[in-house]
């Protein structure tokens, strides 16, 4: 059951990182953009995987 909340925890972490980045003016760096895109893709892929497994075994 805890596994299903994983993408939401990651989304909360991304939101906090985004607030810090905006306050410190890091949003313009390419490294930060790559990390945010990577985290979003990981969260989306994990959500799709969990949705497929959840339907199959649930």
PDB file of N, CA and C in Angstrom:
ATOM      1  N   UNK A   1       0.820  -1.207   0.000  1.00  0.00           N
ATOM      2  CA  UNK A   1       0.000   0.000   0.000  1.00  0.00           C
ATOM      3  C   UNK A   1       0.860   1.266   0.000  1.00  0.00           C
ATOM      4  N   UNK A   2       2.001   1.203   0.678  1.00  0.00           N
ATOM      5  CA  UNK A   2       2.873   2.378   0.727  1.00  0.00           C
ATOM      6  C   UNK A   2       3.482   2.695  -0.631  1.00  0.00           C
ATOM      7  N   UNK A   3       3.594   1.677  -1.463  1.00  0.00           N
ATOM      8  CA  UNK A   3       4.208   1.875  -2.767  1.00  0.00           C
ATOM      9  C   UNK A   3       3.364   2.797  -3.639  1.00  0.00           C
ATOM     10  N   UNK A   4       2.057   2.751  -3.477  1.00  0.00           N
ATOM     11  CA  UNK A   4       1.179   3.596  -4.287  1.00  0.00           C
ATOM     12  C   UNK A   4       1.353   5.077  -3.991  1.00  0.00           C
ATOM     13  N   UNK A   5       1.853   5.436  -2.805  1.00  0.00           N
ATOM     14  CA  UNK A   5       2.031   6.849  -2.459  1.00  0.00           C
ATOM     15  C   UNK A   5       3.388   7.377  -2.926  1.00  0.00           C
ATOM     16  N   UNK A   6       4.238   6.514  -3.491  1.00  0.00           N
ATOM     17  CA  UNK A   6       5.566   6.917  -3.933  1.00  0.00           C
ATOM     18  C   UNK A   6       5.586   8.084  -4.906  1.00  0.00           C
ATOM     19  N   UNK A   7       4.790   8.056  -5.972  1.00  0.00           N
ATOM     20  CA  UNK A   7       4.799   9.181  -6.911  1.00  0.00           C
ATOM     21  C   UNK A   7       4.345  10.500  -6.281  1.00  0.00           C
ATOM     22  N   UNK A   8       3.442  10.422  -5.307  1.00  0.00           N
ATOM     23  CA  UNK A   8       2.989  11.651  -4.665  1.00  0.00           C
ATOM     24  C   UNK A   8       4.058  12.237  -3.757  1.00  0.00           C
ATOM     25  N   UNK A   9       4.827  11.373  -3.108  1.00  0.00           N
ATOM     26  CA  UNK A   9       5.948  11.842  -2.300  1.00  0.00           C
ATOM     27  C   UNK A   9       6.992  12.489  -3.200  1.00  0.00           C
ATOM     28  N   UNK A  10       7.258  11.871  -4.341  1.00  0.00           N
ATOM     29  CA  UNK A  10       8.203  12.443  -5.293  1.00  0.00           C
ATOM     30  C   UNK A  10       7.699  13.777  -5.828  1.00  0.00           C
ATOM     31  N   UNK A  11       6.405  13.874  -6.080  1.00  0.00           N
ATOM     32  CA  UNK A  11       5.829  15.134  -6.544  1.00  0.00           C
ATOM     33  C   UNK A  11       5.983  16.230  -5.485  1.00  0.00           C
ATOM     34  N   UNK A  12       5.780  15.885  -4.223  1.00  0.00           N
ATOM     35  CA  UNK A  12       5.972  16.857  -3.143  1.00  0.00           C
ATOM     36  C   UNK A  12       7.429  17.300  -3.064  1.00  0.00           C
ATOM     37  N   UNK A  13       8.360  16.359  -3.233  1.00  0.00           N
ATOM     38  CA  UNK A  13       9.782  16.709  -3.214  1.00  0.00           C
ATOM     39  C   UNK A  13      10.142  17.622  -4.384  1.00  0.00           C
ATOM     40  N   UNK A  14       9.562  17.365  -5.545  1.00  0.00           N
ATOM     41  CA  UNK A  14       9.806  18.222  -6.707  1.00  0.00           C
ATOM     42  C   UNK A  14       9.250  19.622  -6.456  1.00  0.00           C
ATOM     43  N   UNK A  15       8.090  19.718  -5.826  1.00  0.00           N
ATOM     44  CA  UNK A  15       7.502  21.021  -5.533  1.00  0.00           C
ATOM     45  C   UNK A  15       8.383  21.821  -4.571  1.00  0.00           C
ATOM     46  N   UNK A  16       8.916  21.160  -3.554  1.00  0.00           N
ATOM     47  CA  UNK A  16       9.811  21.839  -2.608  1.00  0.00           C
ATOM     48  C   UNK A  16      11.092  22.267  -3.318  1.00  0.00           C
ATOM     49  N   UNK A  17      11.652  21.379  -4.145  1.00  0.00           N
ATOM     50  CA  UNK A  17      12.866  21.727  -4.891  1.00  0.00           C
ATOM     51  C   UNK A  17      12.611  22.889  -5.839  1.00  0.00           C
ATOM     52  N   UNK A  18      11.432  22.933  -6.426  1.00  0.00           N
ATOM     53  CA  UNK A  18      11.089  24.030  -7.329  1.00  0.00           C
ATOM     54  C   UNK A  18      11.011  25.357  -6.576  1.00  0.00           C
ATOM     55  N   UNK A  19      10.423  25.338  -5.386  1.00  0.00           N
ATOM     56  CA  UNK A  19      10.363  26.562  -4.574  1.00  0.00           C
ATOM     57  C   UNK A  19      11.756  27.048  -4.201  1.00  0.00           C
ATOM     58  N   UNK A  20      12.638  26.133  -3.811  1.00  0.00           N
ATOM     59  CA  UNK A  20      14.015  26.508  -3.468  1.00  0.00           C
ATOM     60  C   UNK A  20      14.725  27.051  -4.698  1.00  0.00           C
ATOM     61  N   UNK A  21      14.524  26.425  -5.843  1.00  0.00           N
ATOM     62  CA  UNK A  21      15.187  26.854  -7.071  1.00  0.00           C
ATOM     63  C   UNK A  21      14.735  28.244  -7.489  1.00  0.00           C
ATOM     64  N   UNK A  22      13.459  28.526  -7.339  1.00  0.00           N
ATOM     65  CA  UNK A  22      12.957  29.849  -7.713  1.00  0.00           C
ATOM     66  C   UNK A  22      13.517  30.911  -6.768  1.00  0.00           C
ATOM     67  N   UNK A  23      13.577  30.595  -5.483  1.00  0.00           N
ATOM     68  CA  UNK A  23      14.093  31.564  -4.512  1.00  0.00           C
ATOM     69  C   UNK A  23      15.582  31.828  -4.682  1.00  0.00           C
ATOM     70  N   UNK A  24      16.337  30.847  -5.130  1.00  0.00           N
ATOM     71  CA  UNK A  24      17.789  31.004  -5.293  1.00  0.00           C
ATOM     72  C   UNK A  24      18.184  31.262  -6.739  1.00  0.00           C
ATOM     73  N   UNK A  25      17.226  31.437  -7.601  1.00  0.00           N
ATOM     74  CA  UNK A  25      17.452  31.703  -9.027  1.00  0.00           C
ATOM     75  C   UNK A  25      18.264  30.596  -9.700  1.00  0.00           C
ATOM     76  N   UNK A  26      17.940  29.344  -9.380  1.00  0.00           N
ATOM     77  CA  UNK A  26      18.584  28.203 -10.017  1.00  0.00           C
ATOM     78  C   UNK A  26      17.771  27.654 -11.181  1.00  0.00           C
ATOM     79  N   UNK A  27      16.586  28.197 -11.364  1.00  0.00           N
ATOM     80  CA  UNK A  27      15.658  27.666 -12.351  1.00  0.00           C
ATOM     81  C   UNK A  27      16.200  27.802 -13.777  1.00  0.00           C
ATOM     82  N   UNK A  28      17.137  28.714 -13.985  1.00  0.00           N
ATOM     83  CA  UNK A  28      17.644  28.940 -15.333  1.00  0.00           C
ATOM     84  C   UNK A  28      18.769  27.973 -15.706  1.00  0.00           C
ATOM     85  N   UNK A  29      19.282  27.208 -14.762  1.00  0.00           N
ATOM     86  CA  UNK A  29      20.383  26.305 -15.090  1.00  0.00           C
ATOM     87  C   UNK A  29      19.855  25.053 -15.780  1.00  0.00           C
ATOM     88  N   UNK A  30      20.610  24.568 -16.745  1.00  0.00           N
ATOM     89  CA  UNK A  30      20.198  23.403 -17.524  1.00  0.00           C
ATOM     90  C   UNK A  30      20.240  22.144 -16.663  1.00  0.00           C
ATOM     91  N   UNK A  31      21.166  22.084 -15.702  1.00  0.00           N
ATOM     92  CA  UNK A  31      21.255  20.909 -14.839  1.00  0.00           C
ATOM     93  C   UNK A  31      19.983  20.749 -14.017  1.00  0.00           C
ATOM     94  N   UNK A  32      19.443  21.846 -13.510  1.00  0.00           N
ATOM     95  CA  UNK A  32      18.215  21.775 -12.727  1.00  0.00           C
ATOM     96  C   UNK A  32      17.044  21.340 -13.592  1.00  0.00           C
ATOM     97  N   UNK A  33      16.987  21.858 -14.791  1.00  0.00           N
ATOM     98  CA  UNK A  33      15.908  21.464 -15.703  1.00  0.00           C
ATOM     99  C   UNK A  33      15.971  19.981 -16.042  1.00  0.00           C
ATOM    100  N   UNK A  34      17.178  19.466 -16.265  1.00  0.00           N
ATOM    101  CA  UNK A  34      17.339  18.039 -16.561  1.00  0.00           C
ATOM    102  C   UNK A  34      16.886  17.200 -15.370  1.00  0.00           C
ATOM    103  N   UNK A  35      17.241  17.615 -14.159  1.00  0.00           N
ATOM    104  CA  UNK A  35      16.840  16.868 -12.962  1.00  0.00           C
ATOM    105  C   UNK A  35      15.329  16.883 -12.790  1.00  0.00           C
ATOM    106  N   UNK A  36      14.689  18.004 -13.025  1.00  0.00           N
ATOM    107  CA  UNK A  36      13.235  18.088 -12.867  1.00  0.00           C
ATOM    108  C   UNK A  36      12.509  17.243 -13.915  1.00  0.00           C
ATOM    109  N   UNK A  37      12.992  17.290 -15.145  1.00  0.00           N
ATOM    110  CA  UNK A  37      12.382  16.483 -16.204  1.00  0.00           C
ATOM    111  C   UNK A  37      12.580  14.996 -15.903  1.00  0.00           C
ATOM    112  N   UNK A  38      13.771  14.634 -15.442  1.00  0.00           N
ATOM    113  CA  UNK A  38      14.045  13.246 -15.096  1.00  0.00           C
ATOM    114  C   UNK A  38      13.154  12.753 -13.964  1.00  0.00           C
ATOM    115  N   UNK A  39      12.962  13.583 -12.937  1.00  0.00           N
ATOM    116  CA  UNK A  39      12.099  13.205 -11.819  1.00  0.00           C
ATOM    117  C   UNK A  39      10.650  13.056 -12.274  1.00  0.00           C
ATOM    118  N   UNK A  40      10.209  13.932 -13.155  1.00  0.00           N
ATOM    119  CA  UNK A  40       8.832  13.854 -13.649  1.00  0.00           C
ATOM    120  C   UNK A  40       8.627  12.593 -14.487  1.00  0.00           C
ATOM    121  N   UNK A  41       9.580  12.267 -15.331  1.00  0.00           N
ATOM    122  CA  UNK A  41       9.479  11.065 -16.157  1.00  0.00           C
ATOM    123  C   UNK A  41       9.494   9.815 -15.281  1.00  0.00           C
ATOM    124  N   UNK A  42      10.355   9.804 -14.255  1.00  0.00           N
ATOM    125  CA  UNK A  42      10.413   8.668 -13.343  1.00  0.00           C
ATOM    126  C   UNK A  42       9.091   8.491 -12.600  1.00  0.00           C
ATOM    127  N   UNK A  43       8.525   9.588 -12.110  1.00  0.00           N
ATOM    128  CA  UNK A  43       7.245   9.508 -11.397  1.00  0.00           C
ATOM    129  C   UNK A  43       6.132   9.018 -12.318  1.00  0.00           C
ATOM    130  N   UNK A  44       6.114   9.490 -13.545  1.00  0.00           N
ATOM    131  CA  UNK A  44       5.091   9.056 -14.487  1.00  0.00           C
ATOM    132  C   UNK A  44       5.245   7.579 -14.839  1.00  0.00           C
ATOM    133  N   UNK A  45       6.462   7.152 -15.110  1.00  0.00           N
ATOM    134  CA  UNK A  45       6.698   5.747 -15.446  1.00  0.00           C
ATOM    135  C   UNK A  45       6.346   4.844 -14.270  1.00  0.00           C
ATOM    136  N   UNK A  46       6.701   5.250 -13.065  1.00  0.00           N
ATOM    137  CA  UNK A  46       6.391   4.454 -11.874  1.00  0.00           C
ATOM    138  C   UNK A  46       4.884   4.376 -11.660  1.00  0.00           C
ATOM    139  N   UNK A  47       4.187   5.470 -11.893  1.00  0.00           N
ATOM    140  CA  UNK A  47       2.728   5.472 -11.737  1.00  0.00           C
ATOM    141  C   UNK A  47       2.070   4.546 -12.753  1.00  0.00           C
ATOM    142  N   UNK A  48       2.531   4.566 -13.989  1.00  0.00           N
ATOM    143  CA  UNK A  48       1.975   3.693 -15.024  1.00  0.00           C
ATOM    144  C   UNK A  48       2.263   2.236 -14.683  1.00  0.00           C
ATOM    145  N   UNK A  49       3.474   1.943 -14.247  1.00  0.00           N
ATOM    146  CA  UNK A  49       3.833   0.581 -13.862  1.00  0.00           C
ATOM    147  C   UNK A  49       2.977   0.093 -12.697  1.00  0.00           C
ATOM    148  N   UNK A  50       2.827   0.918 -11.679  1.00  0.00           N
ATOM    149  CA  UNK A  50       2.015   0.517 -10.535  1.00  0.00           C
ATOM    150  C   UNK A  50       0.551   0.346 -10.919  1.00  0.00           C
ATOM    151  N   UNK A  51       0.059   1.199 -11.787  1.00  0.00           N
ATOM    152  CA  UNK A  51      -1.319   1.066 -12.246  1.00  0.00           C
ATOM    153  C   UNK A  51      -1.543  -0.243 -12.978  1.00  0.00           C
ATOM    154  N   UNK A  52      -0.578  -0.653 -13.788  1.00  0.00           N
ATOM    155  CA  UNK A  52      -0.699  -1.914 -14.520  1.00  0.00           C
ATOM    156  C   UNK A  52      -0.634  -3.101 -13.570  1.00  0.00           C
ATOM    157  N   UNK A  53       0.285  -3.074 -12.627  1.00  0.00           N
ATOM    158  CA  UNK A  53       0.429  -4.173 -11.681  1.00  0.00           C
ATOM    159  C   UNK A  53      -0.775  -4.220 -10.734  1.00  0.00           C
ATOM    160  N   UNK A  54      -1.224  -3.048 -10.320  1.00  0.00           N
ATOM    161  CA  UNK A  54      -2.349  -2.990  -9.369  1.00  0.00           C
ATOM    162  C   UNK A  54      -3.613  -3.612  -9.972  1.00  0.00           C
ATOM    163  N   UNK A  55      -3.877  -3.335 -11.238  1.00  0.00           N
ATOM    164  CA  UNK A  55      -5.055  -3.906 -11.901  1.00  0.00           C
ATOM    165  C   UNK A  55      -4.915  -5.416 -12.083  1.00  0.00           C
ATOM    166  N   UNK A  56      -3.704  -5.852 -12.379  1.00  0.00           N
ATOM    167  CA  UNK A  56      -3.491  -7.274 -12.654  1.00  0.00           C
ATOM    168  C   UNK A  56      -3.631  -8.108 -11.379  1.00  0.00           C
ATOM    169  N   UNK A  57      -3.116  -7.626 -10.269  1.00  0.00           N
ATOM    170  CA  UNK A  57      -3.121  -8.412  -9.029  1.00  0.00           C
ATOM    171  C   UNK A  57      -4.181  -7.961  -8.041  1.00  0.00           C
ATOM    172  N   UNK A  58      -4.850  -6.862  -8.314  1.00  0.00           N
ATOM    173  CA  UNK A  58      -5.835  -6.348  -7.379  1.00  0.00           C
ATOM    174  C   UNK A  58      -7.155  -6.849  -7.684  1.00  0.00           C
TER     175      UNK A  58
END
